[in-house]
PDB file of all heavy atoms in Angstrom:
ATOM      1  N   LEU A   1       0.833  -1.191   0.004  1.00  0.00           N
ATOM      2  CA  LEU A   1       0.017   0.024   0.030  1.00  0.00           C
ATOM      3  C   LEU A   1       0.877   1.238  -0.022  1.00  0.00           C
ATOM      4  O   LEU A   1       2.064   1.172   0.362  1.00  0.00           O
ATOM      5  CB  LEU A   1      -0.926  -0.030   1.255  1.00  0.00           C
ATOM      6  CG  LEU A   1      -1.744  -1.257   1.394  1.00  0.00           C
ATOM      7  CD1 LEU A   1      -2.704  -1.097   2.628  1.00  0.00           C
ATOM      8  CD2 LEU A   1      -2.550  -1.637   0.165  1.00  0.00           C
ATOM      9  N   SER A   2       0.324   2.375  -0.443  1.00  0.00           N
ATOM     10  CA  SER A   2       1.115   3.608  -0.527  1.00  0.00           C
ATOM     11  C   SER A   2       0.230   4.835  -0.286  1.00  0.00           C
ATOM     12  O   SER A   2      -1.009   4.705   0.010  1.00  0.00           O
ATOM     13  CB  SER A   2       1.695   3.709  -1.971  1.00  0.00           C
ATOM     14  OG  SER A   2       0.672   3.870  -2.912  1.00  0.00           O
ATOM     15  N   GLU A   3       0.813   6.010  -0.411  1.00  0.00           N
ATOM     16  CA  GLU A   3       0.060   7.237  -0.195  1.00  0.00           C
ATOM     17  C   GLU A   3      -1.002   7.461  -1.302  1.00  0.00           C
ATOM     18  O   GLU A   3      -1.939   8.200  -1.055  1.00  0.00           O
ATOM     19  CB  GLU A   3       1.012   8.424  -0.236  1.00  0.00           C
ATOM     20  CG  GLU A   3       1.953   8.464   1.024  1.00  0.00           C
ATOM     21  CD  GLU A   3       2.879   9.695   1.007  1.00  0.00           C
ATOM     22  OE1 GLU A   3       2.905  10.409  -0.062  1.00  0.00           O
ATOM     23  OE2 GLU A   3       3.534   9.925   2.023  1.00  0.00           O
ATOM     24  N   ASP A   4      -0.902   6.763  -2.379  1.00  0.00           N
ATOM     25  CA  ASP A   4      -1.934   6.809  -3.402  1.00  0.00           C
ATOM     26  C   ASP A   4      -3.077   5.915  -2.940  1.00  0.00           C
ATOM     27  O   ASP A   4      -3.078   4.704  -3.131  1.00  0.00           O
ATOM     28  CB  ASP A   4      -1.344   6.226  -4.704  1.00  0.00           C
ATOM     29  CG  ASP A   4      -2.349   6.347  -5.876  1.00  0.00           C
ATOM     30  OD1 ASP A   4      -3.556   6.469  -5.635  1.00  0.00           O
ATOM     31  OD2 ASP A   4      -1.904   6.290  -7.067  1.00  0.00           O
ATOM     32  N   LEU A   5      -4.083   6.573  -2.325  1.00  0.00           N
ATOM     33  CA  LEU A   5      -5.144   5.812  -1.710  1.00  0.00           C
ATOM     34  C   LEU A   5      -6.016   5.039  -2.677  1.00  0.00           C
ATOM     35  O   LEU A   5      -6.558   4.006  -2.403  1.00  0.00           O
ATOM     36  CB  LEU A   5      -6.009   6.746  -0.859  1.00  0.00           C
ATOM     37  CG  LEU A   5      -5.335   7.359   0.380  1.00  0.00           C
ATOM     38  CD1 LEU A   5      -6.323   8.135   1.202  1.00  0.00           C
ATOM     39  CD2 LEU A   5      -4.658   6.276   1.232  1.00  0.00           C
ATOM     40  N   HIS A   6      -6.143   5.641  -3.900  1.00  0.00           N
ATOM     41  CA  HIS A   6      -6.947   4.981  -4.940  1.00  0.00           C
ATOM     42  C   HIS A   6      -6.248   3.613  -5.303  1.00  0.00           C
ATOM     43  O   HIS A   6      -6.955   2.578  -5.400  1.00  0.00           O
ATOM     44  CB  HIS A   6      -7.077   5.815  -6.171  1.00  0.00           C
ATOM     45  CG  HIS A   6      -7.810   5.203  -7.259  1.00  0.00           C
ATOM     46  ND1 HIS A   6      -9.207   5.068  -7.255  1.00  0.00           N
ATOM     47  CD2 HIS A   6      -7.423   4.576  -8.452  1.00  0.00           C
ATOM     48  CE1 HIS A   6      -9.605   4.464  -8.361  1.00  0.00           C
ATOM     49  NE2 HIS A   6      -8.533   4.168  -9.085  1.00  0.00           N
ATOM     50  N   ALA A   7      -4.930   3.646  -5.495  1.00  0.00           N
ATOM     51  CA  ALA A   7      -4.190   2.478  -5.826  1.00  0.00           C
ATOM     52  C   ALA A   7      -4.200   1.483  -4.649  1.00  0.00           C
ATOM     53  O   ALA A   7      -4.305   0.260  -4.823  1.00  0.00           O
ATOM     54  CB  ALA A   7      -2.755   2.794  -6.182  1.00  0.00           C
ATOM     55  N   SER A   8      -4.092   2.028  -3.402  1.00  0.00           N
ATOM     56  CA  SER A   8      -4.115   1.141  -2.230  1.00  0.00           C
ATOM     57  C   SER A   8      -5.423   0.479  -2.076  1.00  0.00           C
ATOM     58  O   SER A   8      -5.491  -0.711  -1.699  1.00  0.00           O
ATOM     59  CB  SER A   8      -3.756   1.971  -1.008  1.00  0.00           C
ATOM     60  OG  SER A   8      -2.444   2.436  -1.046  1.00  0.00           O
ATOM     61  N   LYS A   9      -6.526   1.188  -2.345  1.00  0.00           N
ATOM     62  CA  LYS A   9      -7.862   0.526  -2.235  1.00  0.00           C
ATOM     63  C   LYS A   9      -7.930  -0.537  -3.268  1.00  0.00           C
ATOM     64  O   LYS A   9      -8.500  -1.602  -2.981  1.00  0.00           O
ATOM     65  CB  LYS A   9      -8.902   1.653  -2.480  1.00  0.00           C
ATOM     66  CG  LYS A   9     -10.354   1.047  -2.399  1.00  0.00           C
ATOM     67  CD  LYS A   9     -11.386   2.086  -2.669  1.00  0.00           C
ATOM     68  CE  LYS A   9     -12.808   1.520  -2.524  1.00  0.00           C
ATOM     69  NZ  LYS A   9     -13.061   0.441  -3.515  1.00  0.00           N
ATOM     70  N   ALA A  10      -7.442  -0.277  -4.477  1.00  0.00           N
ATOM     71  CA  ALA A  10      -7.497  -1.360  -5.487  1.00  0.00           C
ATOM     72  C   ALA A  10      -6.723  -2.600  -5.063  1.00  0.00           C
ATOM     73  O   ALA A  10      -7.173  -3.762  -5.341  1.00  0.00           O
ATOM     74  CB  ALA A  10      -6.938  -0.791  -6.813  1.00  0.00           C
ATOM     75  N   VAL A  11      -5.566  -2.421  -4.398  1.00  0.00           N
ATOM     76  CA  VAL A  11      -4.830  -3.553  -3.910  1.00  0.00           C
ATOM     77  C   VAL A  11      -5.623  -4.345  -2.886  1.00  0.00           C
ATOM     78  O   VAL A  11      -5.741  -5.536  -2.957  1.00  0.00           O
ATOM     79  CB  VAL A  11      -3.475  -3.098  -3.304  1.00  0.00           C
ATOM     80  CG1 VAL A  11      -2.800  -4.216  -2.511  1.00  0.00           C
ATOM     81  CG2 VAL A  11      -2.568  -2.569  -4.360  1.00  0.00           C
ATOM     82  N   LEU A  12      -6.193  -3.615  -1.930  1.00  0.00           N
ATOM     83  CA  LEU A  12      -7.001  -4.273  -0.916  1.00  0.00           C
ATOM     84  C   LEU A  12      -8.217  -5.003  -1.482  1.00  0.00           C
ATOM     85  O   LEU A  12      -8.551  -6.143  -1.094  1.00  0.00           O
ATOM     86  CB  LEU A  12      -7.463  -3.348   0.150  1.00  0.00           C
ATOM     87  CG  LEU A  12      -6.435  -2.896   1.222  1.00  0.00           C
ATOM     88  CD1 LEU A  12      -7.017  -1.871   2.174  1.00  0.00           C
ATOM     89  CD2 LEU A  12      -5.966  -4.120   2.005  1.00  0.00           C
ATOM     90  N   ASP A  13      -8.908  -4.355  -2.439  1.00  0.00           N
ATOM     91  CA  ASP A  13     -10.052  -4.938  -3.104  1.00  0.00           C
ATOM     92  C   ASP A  13      -9.654  -6.229  -3.788  1.00  0.00           C
ATOM     93  O   ASP A  13     -10.378  -7.262  -3.717  1.00  0.00           O
ATOM     94  CB  ASP A  13     -10.683  -3.978  -4.127  1.00  0.00           C
ATOM     95  CG  ASP A  13     -11.439  -2.884  -3.460  1.00  0.00           C
ATOM     96  OD1 ASP A  13     -11.678  -2.935  -2.273  1.00  0.00           O
ATOM     97  OD2 ASP A  13     -11.783  -1.887  -4.172  1.00  0.00           O
ATOM     98  N   LYS A  14      -8.521  -6.225  -4.465  1.00  0.00           N
ATOM     99  CA  LYS A  14      -8.074  -7.418  -5.220  1.00  0.00           C
ATOM    100  C   LYS A  14      -7.775  -8.565  -4.240  1.00  0.00           C
ATOM    101  O   LYS A  14      -8.055  -9.739  -4.564  1.00  0.00           O
ATOM    102  CB  LYS A  14      -6.843  -7.075  -6.055  1.00  0.00           C
ATOM    103  CG  LYS A  14      -6.353  -8.256  -6.900  1.00  0.00           C
ATOM    104  CD  LYS A  14      -5.192  -7.824  -7.780  1.00  0.00           C
ATOM    105  CE  LYS A  14      -4.681  -8.980  -8.638  1.00  0.00           C
ATOM    106  NZ  LYS A  14      -3.596  -8.577  -9.518  1.00  0.00           N
ATOM    107  N   ILE A  15      -7.209  -8.258  -3.119  1.00  0.00           N
ATOM    108  CA  ILE A  15      -6.744  -9.299  -2.176  1.00  0.00           C
ATOM    109  C   ILE A  15      -7.856  -9.724  -1.240  1.00  0.00           C
ATOM    110  O   ILE A  15      -8.044 -10.956  -0.962  1.00  0.00           O
ATOM    111  CB  ILE A  15      -5.541  -8.826  -1.405  1.00  0.00           C
ATOM    112  CG1 ILE A  15      -4.368  -8.572  -2.335  1.00  0.00           C
ATOM    113  CG2 ILE A  15      -5.146  -9.826  -0.333  1.00  0.00           C
ATOM    114  CD1 ILE A  15      -3.182  -7.934  -1.667  1.00  0.00           C
ATOM    115  N   LEU A  16      -8.680  -8.779  -0.742  1.00  0.00           N
ATOM    116  CA  LEU A  16      -9.546  -9.055   0.398  1.00  0.00           C
ATOM    117  C   LEU A  16     -11.052  -8.925   0.117  1.00  0.00           C
ATOM    118  O   LEU A  16     -11.830  -9.618   0.713  1.00  0.00           O
ATOM    119  CB  LEU A  16      -9.182  -8.132   1.569  1.00  0.00           C
ATOM    120  CG  LEU A  16      -7.964  -8.534   2.377  1.00  0.00           C
ATOM    121  CD1 LEU A  16      -7.686  -7.494   3.439  1.00  0.00           C
ATOM    122  CD2 LEU A  16      -8.137  -9.900   3.049  1.00  0.00           C
ATOM    123  N   ALA A  17     -11.419  -7.965  -0.781  1.00  0.00           N
ATOM    124  CA  ALA A  17     -12.855  -7.673  -0.896  1.00  0.00           C
ATOM    125  C   ALA A  17     -13.636  -8.880  -1.353  1.00  0.00           C
ATOM    126  O   ALA A  17     -13.326  -9.535  -2.346  1.00  0.00           O
ATOM    127  CB  ALA A  17     -13.031  -6.536  -1.892  1.00  0.00           C
ATOM    128  N   GLY A  18     -14.668  -9.209  -0.634  1.00  0.00           N
ATOM    129  CA  GLY A  18     -15.518 -10.335  -0.998  1.00  0.00           C
ATOM    130  C   GLY A  18     -16.976  -9.917  -0.993  1.00  0.00           C
ATOM    131  O   GLY A  18     -17.308  -8.721  -1.157  1.00  0.00           O
ATOM    132  N   SER A  19     -17.792 -10.887  -0.839  1.00  0.00           N
ATOM    133  CA  SER A  19     -19.256 -10.592  -0.737  1.00  0.00           C
ATOM    134  C   SER A  19     -19.903 -11.607   0.214  1.00  0.00           C
ATOM    135  O   SER A  19     -19.324 -12.713   0.375  1.00  0.00           O
ATOM    136  CB  SER A  19     -19.931 -10.655  -2.127  1.00  0.00           C
ATOM    137  OG  SER A  19     -19.688 -11.907  -2.762  1.00  0.00           O
ATOM    138  N   PRO A  20     -21.007 -11.215   0.889  1.00  0.00           N
ATOM    139  CA  PRO A  20     -21.543 -12.109   1.913  1.00  0.00           C
ATOM    140  C   PRO A  20     -21.820 -13.545   1.450  1.00  0.00           C
ATOM    141  O   PRO A  20     -22.315 -13.734   0.324  1.00  0.00           O
ATOM    142  CB  PRO A  20     -22.826 -11.364   2.312  1.00  0.00           C
ATOM    143  CG  PRO A  20     -22.572  -9.950   1.943  1.00  0.00           C
ATOM    144  CD  PRO A  20     -21.770 -10.009   0.655  1.00  0.00           C
ATOM    145  N   ILE A  21     -21.528 -14.458   2.258  1.00  0.00           N
ATOM    146  CA  ILE A  21     -21.838 -15.863   2.040  1.00  0.00           C
ATOM    147  C   ILE A  21     -22.832 -16.335   3.092  1.00  0.00           C
ATOM    148  O   ILE A  21     -22.551 -16.269   4.238  1.00  0.00           O
ATOM    149  CB  ILE A  21     -20.535 -16.747   2.057  1.00  0.00           C
ATOM    150  CG1 ILE A  21     -19.626 -16.341   0.926  1.00  0.00           C
ATOM    151  CG2 ILE A  21     -20.938 -18.266   1.989  1.00  0.00           C
ATOM    152  CD1 ILE A  21     -18.289 -17.060   0.977  1.00  0.00           C
ATOM    153  N   THR A  22     -24.027 -16.772   2.701  1.00  0.00           N
ATOM    154  CA  THR A  22     -25.015 -17.154   3.594  1.00  0.00           C
ATOM    155  C   THR A  22     -24.878 -18.580   3.978  1.00  0.00           C
ATOM    156  O   THR A  22     -24.094 -19.371   3.323  1.00  0.00           O
ATOM    157  CB  THR A  22     -26.447 -16.954   3.003  1.00  0.00           C
ATOM    158  OG1 THR A  22     -26.625 -17.881   1.913  1.00  0.00           O
ATOM    159  CG2 THR A  22     -26.677 -15.551   2.520  1.00  0.00           C
ATOM    160  N   ASN A  23     -25.634 -19.042   4.960  1.00  0.00           N
ATOM    161  CA  ASN A  23     -25.570 -20.457   5.367  1.00  0.00           C
ATOM    162  C   ASN A  23     -25.940 -21.399   4.254  1.00  0.00           C
ATOM    163  O   ASN A  23     -25.307 -22.518   4.142  1.00  0.00           O
ATOM    164  CB  ASN A  23     -26.593 -20.654   6.555  1.00  0.00           C
ATOM    165  CG  ASN A  23     -25.927 -21.226   7.782  1.00  0.00           C
ATOM    166  OD1 ASN A  23     -25.033 -22.096   7.627  1.00  0.00           O
ATOM    167  ND2 ASN A  23     -26.310 -20.751   8.942  1.00  0.00           N
ATOM    168  N   ALA A  24     -26.843 -20.991   3.383  1.00  0.00           N
ATOM    169  CA  ALA A  24     -27.236 -21.861   2.266  1.00  0.00           C
ATOM    170  C   ALA A  24     -26.066 -22.116   1.322  1.00  0.00           C
ATOM    171  O   ALA A  24     -25.884 -23.213   0.859  1.00  0.00           O
ATOM    172  CB  ALA A  24     -28.412 -21.220   1.512  1.00  0.00           C
ATOM    173  N   GLU A  25     -25.241 -21.083   1.065  1.00  0.00           N
ATOM    174  CA  GLU A  25     -24.117 -21.265   0.189  1.00  0.00           C
ATOM    175  C   GLU A  25     -23.002 -22.028   0.905  1.00  0.00           C
ATOM    176  O   GLU A  25     -22.370 -22.909   0.322  1.00  0.00           O
ATOM    177  CB  GLU A  25     -23.582 -19.912  -0.232  1.00  0.00           C
ATOM    178  CG  GLU A  25     -24.558 -19.087  -1.069  1.00  0.00           C
ATOM    179  CD  GLU A  25     -24.170 -17.616  -1.019  1.00  0.00           C
ATOM    180  OE1 GLU A  25     -23.174 -17.301  -1.708  1.00  0.00           O
ATOM    181  OE2 GLU A  25     -24.865 -16.848  -0.313  1.00  0.00           O
ATOM    182  N   TYR A  26     -22.761 -21.697   2.199  1.00  0.00           N
ATOM    183  CA  TYR A  26     -21.680 -22.326   2.922  1.00  0.00           C
ATOM    184  C   TYR A  26     -21.865 -23.840   2.977  1.00  0.00           C
ATOM    185  O   TYR A  26     -20.921 -24.645   2.905  1.00  0.00           O
ATOM    186  CB  TYR A  26     -21.571 -21.756   4.354  1.00  0.00           C
ATOM    187  CG  TYR A  26     -20.636 -22.560   5.202  1.00  0.00           C
ATOM    188  CD1 TYR A  26     -19.249 -22.357   5.044  1.00  0.00           C
ATOM    189  CD2 TYR A  26     -21.018 -23.561   6.088  1.00  0.00           C
ATOM    190  CE1 TYR A  26     -18.307 -23.107   5.801  1.00  0.00           C
ATOM    191  CE2 TYR A  26     -20.149 -24.262   6.783  1.00  0.00           C
ATOM    192  CZ  TYR A  26     -18.771 -24.044   6.679  1.00  0.00           C
ATOM    193  OH  TYR A  26     -17.893 -24.795   7.372  1.00  0.00           O
ATOM    194  N   SER A  27     -23.141 -24.312   3.088  1.00  0.00           N
ATOM    195  CA  SER A  27     -23.425 -25.736   3.246  1.00  0.00           C
ATOM    196  C   SER A  27     -22.971 -26.540   2.051  1.00  0.00           C
ATOM    197  O   SER A  27     -22.841 -27.739   2.053  1.00  0.00           O
ATOM    198  CB  SER A  27     -24.918 -25.957   3.490  1.00  0.00           C
ATOM    199  OG  SER A  27     -25.622 -25.533   2.372  1.00  0.00           O
ATOM    200  N   GLN A  28     -22.727 -25.823   0.899  1.00  0.00           N
ATOM    201  CA  GLN A  28     -22.295 -26.494  -0.328  1.00  0.00           C
ATOM    202  C   GLN A  28     -20.799 -26.357  -0.638  1.00  0.00           C
ATOM    203  O   GLN A  28     -20.314 -26.772  -1.662  1.00  0.00           O
ATOM    204  CB  GLN A  28     -23.142 -25.974  -1.542  1.00  0.00           C
ATOM    205  CG  GLN A  28     -24.610 -26.073  -1.358  1.00  0.00           C
ATOM    206  CD  GLN A  28     -25.088 -27.521  -1.249  1.00  0.00           C
ATOM    207  OE1 GLN A  28     -24.614 -28.379  -1.963  1.00  0.00           O
ATOM    208  NE2 GLN A  28     -25.958 -27.791  -0.371  1.00  0.00           N
ATOM    209  N   MET A  29     -20.085 -25.650   0.289  1.00  0.00           N
ATOM    210  CA  MET A  29     -18.712 -25.250   0.005  1.00  0.00           C
ATOM    211  C   MET A  29     -17.685 -26.357   0.277  1.00  0.00           C
ATOM    212  O   MET A  29     -16.624 -26.403  -0.383  1.00  0.00           O
ATOM    213  CB  MET A  29     -18.333 -24.005   0.741  1.00  0.00           C
ATOM    214  CG  MET A  29     -19.045 -22.741   0.235  1.00  0.00           C
ATOM    215  SD  MET A  29     -18.575 -21.284   1.171  1.00  0.00           S
ATOM    216  CE  MET A  29     -16.808 -21.127   0.728  1.00  0.00           C
ATOM    217  N   GLY A  30     -17.924 -27.186   1.273  1.00  0.00           N
ATOM    218  CA  GLY A  30     -16.891 -28.198   1.591  1.00  0.00           C
ATOM    219  C   GLY A  30     -15.735 -27.627   2.341  1.00  0.00           C
ATOM    220  O   GLY A  30     -15.794 -26.613   3.028  1.00  0.00           O
ATOM    221  N   ASP A  31     -14.501 -28.247   2.144  1.00  0.00           N
ATOM    222  CA  ASP A  31     -13.347 -27.857   2.875  1.00  0.00           C
ATOM    223  C   ASP A  31     -12.841 -26.476   2.404  1.00  0.00           C
ATOM    224  O   ASP A  31     -12.851 -26.183   1.212  1.00  0.00           O
ATOM    225  CB  ASP A  31     -12.222 -28.902   2.664  1.00  0.00           C
ATOM    226  CG  ASP A  31     -11.196 -28.875   3.773  1.00  0.00           C
ATOM    227  OD1 ASP A  31     -10.690 -27.807   4.053  1.00  0.00           O
ATOM    228  OD2 ASP A  31     -10.952 -29.959   4.357  1.00  0.00           O
ATOM    229  N   LEU A  32     -12.373 -25.684   3.352  1.00  0.00           N
ATOM    230  CA  LEU A  32     -11.898 -24.321   3.029  1.00  0.00           C
ATOM    231  C   LEU A  32     -10.408 -24.229   2.824  1.00  0.00           C
ATOM    232  O   LEU A  32      -9.831 -23.115   2.733  1.00  0.00           O
ATOM    233  CB  LEU A  32     -12.320 -23.342   4.097  1.00  0.00           C
ATOM    234  CG  LEU A  32     -13.857 -23.129   4.300  1.00  0.00           C
ATOM    235  CD1 LEU A  32     -14.052 -22.114   5.383  1.00  0.00           C
ATOM    236  CD2 LEU A  32     -14.449 -22.642   2.967  1.00  0.00           C
ATOM    237  N   ILE A  33      -9.674 -25.367   2.734  1.00  0.00           N
ATOM    238  CA  ILE A  33      -8.241 -25.288   2.542  1.00  0.00           C
ATOM    239  C   ILE A  33      -7.943 -24.562   1.226  1.00  0.00           C
ATOM    240  O   ILE A  33      -8.518 -24.908   0.170  1.00  0.00           O
ATOM    241  CB  ILE A  33      -7.612 -26.646   2.544  1.00  0.00           C
ATOM    242  CG1 ILE A  33      -7.673 -27.291   3.969  1.00  0.00           C
ATOM    243  CG2 ILE A  33      -6.143 -26.656   2.060  1.00  0.00           C
ATOM    244  CD1 ILE A  33      -7.112 -28.658   4.059  1.00  0.00           C
ATOM    245  N   GLN A  34      -7.074 -23.538   1.264  1.00  0.00           N
ATOM    246  CA  GLN A  34      -6.724 -22.729   0.072  1.00  0.00           C
ATOM    247  C   GLN A  34      -7.995 -22.093  -0.540  1.00  0.00           C
ATOM    248  O   GLN A  34      -8.118 -21.981  -1.720  1.00  0.00           O
ATOM    249  CB  GLN A  34      -5.981 -23.568  -0.961  1.00  0.00           C
ATOM    250  CG  GLN A  34      -4.667 -24.087  -0.460  1.00  0.00           C
ATOM    251  CD  GLN A  34      -3.902 -24.872  -1.521  1.00  0.00           C
ATOM    252  OE1 GLN A  34      -4.452 -25.448  -2.461  1.00  0.00           O
ATOM    253  NE2 GLN A  34      -2.582 -24.894  -1.364  1.00  0.00           N
ATOM    254  N   ALA A  35      -8.851 -21.685   0.345  1.00  0.00           N
ATOM    255  CA  ALA A  35     -10.087 -20.971  -0.180  1.00  0.00           C
ATOM    256  C   ALA A  35      -9.828 -19.616  -0.740  1.00  0.00           C
ATOM    257  O   ALA A  35     -10.622 -19.110  -1.565  1.00  0.00           O
ATOM    258  CB  ALA A  35     -11.100 -20.901   0.978  1.00  0.00           C
TER     259      ALA A  35
END
């Protein structure tokens, strides 16, 4: 990350940003190794 907040946000989004997973979806996911 750097002082360029737009670029830093893009880095975090690429690595971490997800979307909610409900119980219904989780029940079909199986093992989370290397998820």
